[in-house]
All heavy atoms as atom14 arrays in JSON, in Angstrom:
{
  "sequence": "INKSEIPQKYLGKCPEVGGCYWTANTFGKAAFFPAIDR",
  "atom14_mask": [
    [1, 1, 1, 1, 1, 1, 1, 1, 0, 0, 0, 0, 0, 0],
    [1, 1, 1, 1, 1, 1, 1, 1, 0, 0, 0, 0, 0, 0],
    [1, 1, 1, 1, 1, 1, 1, 1, 1, 0, 0, 0, 0, 0],
    [1, 1, 1, 1, 1, 1, 0, 0, 0, 0, 0, 0, 0, 0],
    [1, 1, 1, 1, 1, 1, 1, 1, 1, 0, 0, 0, 0, 0],
    [1, 1, 1, 1, 1, 1, 1, 1, 0, 0, 0, 0, 0, 0],
    [1, 1, 1, 1, 1, 1, 1, 0, 0, 0, 0, 0, 0, 0],
    [1, 1, 1, 1, 1, 1, 1, 1, 1, 0, 0, 0, 0, 0],
    [1, 1, 1, 1, 1, 1, 1, 1, 1, 0, 0, 0, 0, 0],
    [1, 1, 1, 1, 1, 1, 1, 1, 1, 1, 1, 1, 0, 0],
    [1, 1, 1, 1, 1, 1, 1, 1, 0, 0, 0, 0, 0, 0],
    [1, 1, 1, 1, 0, 0, 0, 0, 0, 0, 0, 0, 0, 0],
    [1, 1, 1, 1, 1, 1, 1, 1, 1, 0, 0, 0, 0, 0],
    [1, 1, 1, 1, 1, 1, 0, 0, 0, 0, 0, 0, 0, 0],
    [1, 1, 1, 1, 1, 1, 1, 0, 0, 0, 0, 0, 0, 0],
    [1, 1, 1, 1, 1, 1, 1, 1, 1, 0, 0, 0, 0, 0],
    [1, 1, 1, 1, 1, 1, 1, 0, 0, 0, 0, 0, 0, 0],
    [1, 1, 1, 1, 0, 0, 0, 0, 0, 0, 0, 0, 0, 0],
    [1, 1, 1, 1, 0, 0, 0, 0, 0, 0, 0, 0, 0, 0],
    [1, 1, 1, 1, 1, 1, 0, 0, 0, 0, 0, 0, 0, 0],
    [1, 1, 1, 1, 1, 1, 1, 1, 1, 1, 1, 1, 0, 0],
    [1, 1, 1, 1, 1, 1, 1, 1, 1, 1, 1, 1, 1, 1],
    [1, 1, 1, 1, 1, 1, 1, 0, 0, 0, 0, 0, 0, 0],
    [1, 1, 1, 1, 1, 0, 0, 0, 0, 0, 0, 0, 0, 0],
    [1, 1, 1, 1, 1, 1, 1, 1, 0, 0, 0, 0, 0, 0],
    [1, 1, 1, 1, 1, 1, 1, 0, 0, 0, 0, 0, 0, 0],
    [1, 1, 1, 1, 1, 1, 1, 1, 1, 1, 1, 0, 0, 0],
    [1, 1, 1, 1, 0, 0, 0, 0, 0, 0, 0, 0, 0, 0],
    [1, 1, 1, 1, 1, 1, 1, 1, 1, 0, 0, 0, 0, 0],
    [1, 1, 1, 1, 1, 0, 0, 0, 0, 0, 0, 0, 0, 0],
    [1, 1, 1, 1, 1, 0, 0, 0, 0, 0, 0, 0, 0, 0],
    [1, 1, 1, 1, 1, 1, 1, 1, 1, 1, 1, 0, 0, 0],
    [1, 1, 1, 1, 1, 1, 1, 1, 1, 1, 1, 0, 0, 0],
    [1, 1, 1, 1, 1, 1, 1, 0, 0, 0, 0, 0, 0, 0],
    [1, 1, 1, 1, 1, 0, 0, 0, 0, 0, 0, 0, 0, 0],
    [1, 1, 1, 1, 1, 1, 1, 1, 0, 0, 0, 0, 0, 0],
    [1, 1, 1, 1, 1, 1, 1, 1, 0, 0, 0, 0, 0, 0],
    [1, 1, 1, 1, 1, 1, 1, 1, 1, 1, 1, 0, 0, 0]
  ],
  "atom14_positions": [
    [[129.55, -76.33, -17.09], [128.63, -75.2, -17.43], [128.8, -74.1, -16.44], [129.44, -74.26, -15.34], [127.17, -75.71, -17.37], [126.82, -76.27, -15.98], [126.9, -76.78, -18.44], [125.38, -76.61, -15.77], [0.0, 0.0, 0.0], [0.0, 0.0, 0.0], [0.0, 0.0, 0.0], [0.0, 0.0, 0.0], [0.0, 0.0, 0.0], [0.0, 0.0, 0.0]],
    [[128.31, -72.97, -16.75], [128.24, -71.88, -15.77], [127.21, -72.23, -14.69], [126.15, -72.67, -15.01], [127.91, -70.5, -16.46], [128.99, -70.04, -17.39], [130.15, -70.08, -17.02], [128.59, -69.7, -18.6], [0.0, 0.0, 0.0], [0.0, 0.0, 0.0], [0.0, 0.0, 0.0], [0.0, 0.0, 0.0], [0.0, 0.0, 0.0], [0.0, 0.0, 0.0]],
    [[127.53, -71.93, -13.43], [126.57, -72.22, -12.36], [125.29, -71.43, -12.57], [124.25, -71.87, -12.15], [127.18, -71.87, -11.04], [128.35, -72.79, -10.65], [128.91, -72.47, -9.28], [130.03, -73.43, -8.91], [130.66, -73.12, -7.59], [0.0, 0.0, 0.0], [0.0, 0.0, 0.0], [0.0, 0.0, 0.0], [0.0, 0.0, 0.0], [0.0, 0.0, 0.0]],
    [[125.37, -70.34, -13.21], [124.18, -69.52, -13.45], [123.23, -70.21, -14.45], [122.06, -69.84, -14.56], [124.58, -68.12, -14.01], [125.26, -68.28, -15.27], [0.0, 0.0, 0.0], [0.0, 0.0, 0.0], [0.0, 0.0, 0.0], [0.0, 0.0, 0.0], [0.0, 0.0, 0.0], [0.0, 0.0, 0.0], [0.0, 0.0, 0.0], [0.0, 0.0, 0.0]],
    [[123.7, -71.26, -15.11], [122.91, -71.95, -16.07], [122.12, -73.12, -15.55], [121.24, -73.68, -16.21], [123.75, -72.45, -17.25], [124.37, -71.35, -18.06], [125.45, -71.86, -19.07], [126.16, -72.8, -18.73], [125.52, -71.24, -20.15], [0.0, 0.0, 0.0], [0.0, 0.0, 0.0], [0.0, 0.0, 0.0], [0.0, 0.0, 0.0], [0.0, 0.0, 0.0]],
    [[122.36, -73.49, -14.26], [121.54, -74.52, -13.69], [120.16, -74.05, -13.26], [120.02, -72.8, -13.12], [122.23, -75.23, -12.5], [122.16, -74.33, -11.25], [123.68, -75.59, -12.79], [122.61, -75.03, -9.98], [0.0, 0.0, 0.0], [0.0, 0.0, 0.0], [0.0, 0.0, 0.0], [0.0, 0.0, 0.0], [0.0, 0.0, 0.0], [0.0, 0.0, 0.0]],
    [[119.15, -74.89, -13.18], [117.85, -74.41, -12.82], [117.86, -73.55, -11.53], [118.46, -73.92, -10.54], [117.02, -75.66, -12.59], [117.74, -76.71, -13.49], [119.19, -76.35, -13.46], [0.0, 0.0, 0.0], [0.0, 0.0, 0.0], [0.0, 0.0, 0.0], [0.0, 0.0, 0.0], [0.0, 0.0, 0.0], [0.0, 0.0, 0.0], [0.0, 0.0, 0.0]],
    [[117.17, -72.44, -11.57], [117.22, -71.46, -10.53], [116.72, -72.03, -9.2], [117.17, -71.62, -8.12], [116.34, -70.21, -10.9], [116.39, -69.07, -9.84], [117.83, -68.57, -9.66], [118.61, -68.41, -10.61], [118.19, -68.27, -8.42], [0.0, 0.0, 0.0], [0.0, 0.0, 0.0], [0.0, 0.0, 0.0], [0.0, 0.0, 0.0], [0.0, 0.0, 0.0]],
    [[115.82, -73.01, -9.23], [115.26, -73.52, -7.97], [116.31, -74.22, -7.14], [116.21, -74.39, -5.94], [114.11, -74.47, -8.25], [114.43, -75.73, -9.01], [113.17, -76.54, -9.21], [113.37, -77.78, -10.03], [112.11, -78.55, -10.17], [0.0, 0.0, 0.0], [0.0, 0.0, 0.0], [0.0, 0.0, 0.0], [0.0, 0.0, 0.0], [0.0, 0.0, 0.0]],
    [[117.43, -74.74, -7.83], [118.49, -75.31, -7.07], [119.53, -74.26, -6.58], [120.05, -74.38, -5.51], [119.27, -76.39, -7.94], [118.29, -77.44, -8.37], [117.9, -77.62, -9.73], [117.73, -78.29, -7.41], [117.05, -78.63, -10.07], [116.82, -79.31, -7.83], [116.48, -79.46, -9.17], [115.62, -80.45, -9.49], [0.0, 0.0, 0.0], [0.0, 0.0, 0.0]],
    [[119.73, -73.25, -7.4], [120.64, -72.18, -6.95], [120.0, -71.46, -5.72], [120.7, -70.97, -4.87], [120.8, -71.15, -8.09], [121.86, -71.54, -9.14], [121.89, -70.47, -10.24], [123.22, -71.63, -8.56], [0.0, 0.0, 0.0], [0.0, 0.0, 0.0], [0.0, 0.0, 0.0], [0.0, 0.0, 0.0], [0.0, 0.0, 0.0], [0.0, 0.0, 0.0]],
    [[118.69, -71.38, -5.75], [117.99, -70.72, -4.61], [118.21, -71.45, -3.29], [118.0, -70.83, -2.2], [0.0, 0.0, 0.0], [0.0, 0.0, 0.0], [0.0, 0.0, 0.0], [0.0, 0.0, 0.0], [0.0, 0.0, 0.0], [0.0, 0.0, 0.0], [0.0, 0.0, 0.0], [0.0, 0.0, 0.0], [0.0, 0.0, 0.0], [0.0, 0.0, 0.0]],
    [[118.64, -72.69, -3.31], [118.86, -73.42, -2.09], [120.28, -73.23, -1.56], [120.64, -73.78, -0.5], [118.59, -74.91, -2.32], [117.13, -75.2, -2.67], [116.95, -76.69, -2.85], [115.48, -76.98, -3.2], [115.22, -78.44, -3.38], [0.0, 0.0, 0.0], [0.0, 0.0, 0.0], [0.0, 0.0, 0.0], [0.0, 0.0, 0.0], [0.0, 0.0, 0.0]],
    [[121.09, -72.52, -2.27], [122.5, -72.3, -1.87], [122.55, -71.2, -0.83], [122.02, -70.12, -1.0], [123.35, -71.9, -3.06], [123.48, -73.18, -4.31], [0.0, 0.0, 0.0], [0.0, 0.0, 0.0], [0.0, 0.0, 0.0], [0.0, 0.0, 0.0], [0.0, 0.0, 0.0], [0.0, 0.0, 0.0], [0.0, 0.0, 0.0], [0.0, 0.0, 0.0]],
    [[123.25, -71.45, 0.31], [123.49, -70.35, 1.25], [124.33, -69.26, 0.73], [125.15, -69.46, -0.22], [124.19, -71.07, 2.4], [124.88, -72.25, 1.78], [123.98, -72.66, 0.65], [0.0, 0.0, 0.0], [0.0, 0.0, 0.0], [0.0, 0.0, 0.0], [0.0, 0.0, 0.0], [0.0, 0.0, 0.0], [0.0, 0.0, 0.0], [0.0, 0.0, 0.0]],
    [[124.19, -68.06, 1.25], [124.94, -66.91, 0.75], [126.43, -67.11, 1.16], [127.34, -66.61, 0.46], [124.4, -65.58, 1.35], [123.02, -65.27, 0.86], [122.55, -63.93, 1.39], [123.31, -63.27, 2.09], [121.34, -63.57, 1.12], [0.0, 0.0, 0.0], [0.0, 0.0, 0.0], [0.0, 0.0, 0.0], [0.0, 0.0, 0.0], [0.0, 0.0, 0.0]],
    [[126.7, -67.73, 2.28], [128.05, -67.9, 2.74], [128.36, -69.43, 2.82], [127.45, -70.21, 3.27], [128.31, -67.3, 4.11], [129.71, -67.54, 4.58], [127.94, -65.8, 4.07], [0.0, 0.0, 0.0], [0.0, 0.0, 0.0], [0.0, 0.0, 0.0], [0.0, 0.0, 0.0], [0.0, 0.0, 0.0], [0.0, 0.0, 0.0], [0.0, 0.0, 0.0]],
    [[129.49, -69.86, 2.33], [129.85, -71.26, 2.39], [129.59, -72.05, 1.12], [129.16, -71.42, 0.09], [0.0, 0.0, 0.0], [0.0, 0.0, 0.0], [0.0, 0.0, 0.0], [0.0, 0.0, 0.0], [0.0, 0.0, 0.0], [0.0, 0.0, 0.0], [0.0, 0.0, 0.0], [0.0, 0.0, 0.0], [0.0, 0.0, 0.0], [0.0, 0.0, 0.0]],
    [[129.71, -73.32, 1.15], [129.57, -74.15, -0.05], [128.1, -74.44, -0.33], [127.2, -74.09, 0.4], [0.0, 0.0, 0.0], [0.0, 0.0, 0.0], [0.0, 0.0, 0.0], [0.0, 0.0, 0.0], [0.0, 0.0, 0.0], [0.0, 0.0, 0.0], [0.0, 0.0, 0.0], [0.0, 0.0, 0.0], [0.0, 0.0, 0.0], [0.0, 0.0, 0.0]],
    [[127.86, -75.01, -1.51], [126.52, -75.36, -1.92], [126.56, -76.76, -2.45], [127.28, -77.09, -3.39], [126.03, -74.35, -3.0], [124.41, -74.77, -3.62], [0.0, 0.0, 0.0], [0.0, 0.0, 0.0], [0.0, 0.0, 0.0], [0.0, 0.0, 0.0], [0.0, 0.0, 0.0], [0.0, 0.0, 0.0], [0.0, 0.0, 0.0], [0.0, 0.0, 0.0]],
    [[125.64, -77.58, -1.89], [125.53, -79.0, -2.33], [125.29, -79.12, -3.82], [125.77, -80.01, -4.49], [124.49, -79.67, -1.5], [124.14, -81.11, -1.96], [125.02, -82.14, -1.67], [123.0, -81.37, -2.59], [124.72, -83.44, -2.05], [122.71, -82.7, -2.97], [123.52, -83.71, -2.68], [123.24, -84.94, -3.08], [0.0, 0.0, 0.0], [0.0, 0.0, 0.0]],
    [[124.44, -78.16, -4.33], [124.02, -78.29, -5.72], [125.08, -77.95, -6.74], [125.0, -78.27, -7.91], [122.81, -77.43, -5.95], [121.72, -77.68, -4.97], [121.34, -76.97, -3.93], [120.81, -78.83, -5.03], [120.26, -77.57, -3.25], [119.97, -78.72, -3.91], [120.69, -79.93, -5.89], [118.97, -79.68, -3.64], [119.69, -80.85, -5.6], [118.83, -80.73, -4.5]],
    [[126.1, -77.19, -6.36], [127.08, -76.68, -7.29], [128.5, -76.97, -6.87], [129.44, -76.62, -7.63], [126.94, -75.14, -7.44], [127.21, -74.56, -6.2], [125.55, -74.76, -7.85], [0.0, 0.0, 0.0], [0.0, 0.0, 0.0], [0.0, 0.0, 0.0], [0.0, 0.0, 0.0], [0.0, 0.0, 0.0], [0.0, 0.0, 0.0], [0.0, 0.0, 0.0]],
    [[128.74, -77.67, -5.72], [130.13, -77.85, -5.26], [130.81, -78.85, -6.15], [130.29, -79.96, -6.36], [130.07, -78.33, -3.8], [0.0, 0.0, 0.0], [0.0, 0.0, 0.0], [0.0, 0.0, 0.0], [0.0, 0.0, 0.0], [0.0, 0.0, 0.0], [0.0, 0.0, 0.0], [0.0, 0.0, 0.0], [0.0, 0.0, 0.0], [0.0, 0.0, 0.0]],
    [[132.0, -78.58, -6.6], [132.81, -79.52, -7.43], [133.68, -80.34, -6.51], [134.76, -80.01, -6.16], [133.68, -78.72, -8.42], [132.87, -78.14, -9.52], [132.13, -78.76, -10.22], [132.96, -76.77, -9.67], [0.0, 0.0, 0.0], [0.0, 0.0, 0.0], [0.0, 0.0, 0.0], [0.0, 0.0, 0.0], [0.0, 0.0, 0.0], [0.0, 0.0, 0.0]],
    [[133.08, -81.49, -6.03], [133.77, -82.4, -5.15], [135.03, -82.93, -5.81], [135.02, -83.3, -6.96], [132.87, -83.53, -4.74], [131.65, -83.02, -4.22], [133.5, -84.42, -3.69], [0.0, 0.0, 0.0], [0.0, 0.0, 0.0], [0.0, 0.0, 0.0], [0.0, 0.0, 0.0], [0.0, 0.0, 0.0], [0.0, 0.0, 0.0], [0.0, 0.0, 0.0]],
    [[136.14, -82.96, -5.02], [137.46, -83.32, -5.58], [137.87, -82.49, -6.78], [138.71, -82.89, -7.54], [137.48, -84.82, -5.98], [137.34, -85.73, -4.81], [136.27, -86.64, -4.78], [138.29, -85.77, -3.82], [136.09, -87.5, -3.69], [138.12, -86.64, -2.72], [137.1, -87.52, -2.69], [0.0, 0.0, 0.0], [0.0, 0.0, 0.0], [0.0, 0.0, 0.0]],
    [[137.21, -81.3, -6.89], [137.53, -80.39, -8.04], [137.02, -80.92, -9.35], [137.41, -80.4, -10.4], [0.0, 0.0, 0.0], [0.0, 0.0, 0.0], [0.0, 0.0, 0.0], [0.0, 0.0, 0.0], [0.0, 0.0, 0.0], [0.0, 0.0, 0.0], [0.0, 0.0, 0.0], [0.0, 0.0, 0.0], [0.0, 0.0, 0.0], [0.0, 0.0, 0.0]],
    [[136.12, -81.95, -9.28], [135.66, -82.54, -10.54], [134.19, -82.25, -10.85], [133.86, -81.86, -12.01], [135.82, -84.07, -10.44], [137.25, -84.52, -10.23], [138.12, -84.33, -11.48], [139.53, -84.88, -11.31], [140.36, -84.7, -12.5], [0.0, 0.0, 0.0], [0.0, 0.0, 0.0], [0.0, 0.0, 0.0], [0.0, 0.0, 0.0], [0.0, 0.0, 0.0]],
    [[133.32, -82.46, -9.9], [131.85, -82.34, -10.23], [131.01, -82.31, -8.94], [131.46, -82.68, -7.85], [131.43, -83.56, -11.09], [0.0, 0.0, 0.0], [0.0, 0.0, 0.0], [0.0, 0.0, 0.0], [0.0, 0.0, 0.0], [0.0, 0.0, 0.0], [0.0, 0.0, 0.0], [0.0, 0.0, 0.0], [0.0, 0.0, 0.0], [0.0, 0.0, 0.0]],
    [[129.76, -81.87, -9.11], [128.75, -82.02, -8.07], [128.1, -83.4, -8.28], [127.69, -83.71, -9.34], [127.7, -80.92, -8.16], [0.0, 0.0, 0.0], [0.0, 0.0, 0.0], [0.0, 0.0, 0.0], [0.0, 0.0, 0.0], [0.0, 0.0, 0.0], [0.0, 0.0, 0.0], [0.0, 0.0, 0.0], [0.0, 0.0, 0.0], [0.0, 0.0, 0.0]],
    [[128.1, -84.2, -7.2], [127.63, -85.59, -7.31], [126.23, -85.74, -6.75], [125.94, -85.25, -5.66], [128.59, -86.54, -6.64], [129.88, -86.65, -7.31], [131.0, -85.85, -6.98], [130.08, -87.56, -8.35], [132.18, -85.92, -7.63], [131.34, -87.65, -8.96], [132.39, -86.89, -8.64], [0.0, 0.0, 0.0], [0.0, 0.0, 0.0], [0.0, 0.0, 0.0]],
    [[125.42, -86.52, -7.45], [124.04, -86.81, -6.93], [123.92, -88.34, -7.08], [123.3, -88.85, -8.01], [123.02, -86.09, -7.83], [123.23, -84.63, -7.83], [123.88, -83.99, -8.88], [122.79, -83.77, -6.79], [124.09, -82.61, -8.88], [122.98, -82.43, -6.79], [123.62, -81.87, -7.8], [0.0, 0.0, 0.0], [0.0, 0.0, 0.0], [0.0, 0.0, 0.0]],
    [[124.41, -89.11, -6.08], [124.35, -90.58, -6.11], [122.96, -91.08, -5.71], [122.26, -90.43, -4.91], [125.4, -90.99, -5.14], [125.45, -89.87, -4.15], [125.17, -88.62, -4.93], [0.0, 0.0, 0.0], [0.0, 0.0, 0.0], [0.0, 0.0, 0.0], [0.0, 0.0, 0.0], [0.0, 0.0, 0.0], [0.0, 0.0, 0.0], [0.0, 0.0, 0.0]],
    [[122.6, -92.2, -6.21], [121.29, -92.8, -5.89], [121.21, -93.1, -4.41], [120.1, -93.11, -3.83], [121.03, -94.02, -6.72], [0.0, 0.0, 0.0], [0.0, 0.0, 0.0], [0.0, 0.0, 0.0], [0.0, 0.0, 0.0], [0.0, 0.0, 0.0], [0.0, 0.0, 0.0], [0.0, 0.0, 0.0], [0.0, 0.0, 0.0], [0.0, 0.0, 0.0]],
    [[122.34, -93.42, -3.73], [122.31, -93.78, -2.35], [121.78, -92.62, -1.46], [121.19, -92.9, -0.39], [123.75, -94.19, -1.82], [123.66, -94.81, -0.46], [124.67, -92.98, -1.85], [124.96, -95.38, 0.09], [0.0, 0.0, 0.0], [0.0, 0.0, 0.0], [0.0, 0.0, 0.0], [0.0, 0.0, 0.0], [0.0, 0.0, 0.0], [0.0, 0.0, 0.0]],
    [[121.95, -91.39, -1.91], [121.4, -90.26, -1.18], [119.92, -90.01, -1.58], [119.28, -89.11, -1.02], [122.19, -89.01, -1.48], [123.56, -89.04, -0.73], [123.72, -89.88, 0.17], [124.48, -88.25, -1.1], [0.0, 0.0, 0.0], [0.0, 0.0, 0.0], [0.0, 0.0, 0.0], [0.0, 0.0, 0.0], [0.0, 0.0, 0.0], [0.0, 0.0, 0.0]],
    [[119.42, -90.77, -2.55], [118.01, -90.73, -2.97], [117.51, -89.39, -3.32], [116.5, -88.91, -2.79], [117.19, -91.39, -1.84], [117.59, -92.8, -1.61], [116.7, -93.56, -0.64], [117.18, -94.91, -0.51], [116.75, -95.78, 0.38], [115.75, -95.4, 1.23], [117.23, -96.98, 0.48], [0.0, 0.0, 0.0], [0.0, 0.0, 0.0], [0.0, 0.0, 0.0]]
  ]
}
């Protein structure tokens, strides 16, 4: 999806410079939200 389509409250947590946990495509594949990170 377009990053602009994810809920705004998560985009708002992204820093202006650098990566963003909510949208970073780890290994070029996806943003991961594992249960281990709760």
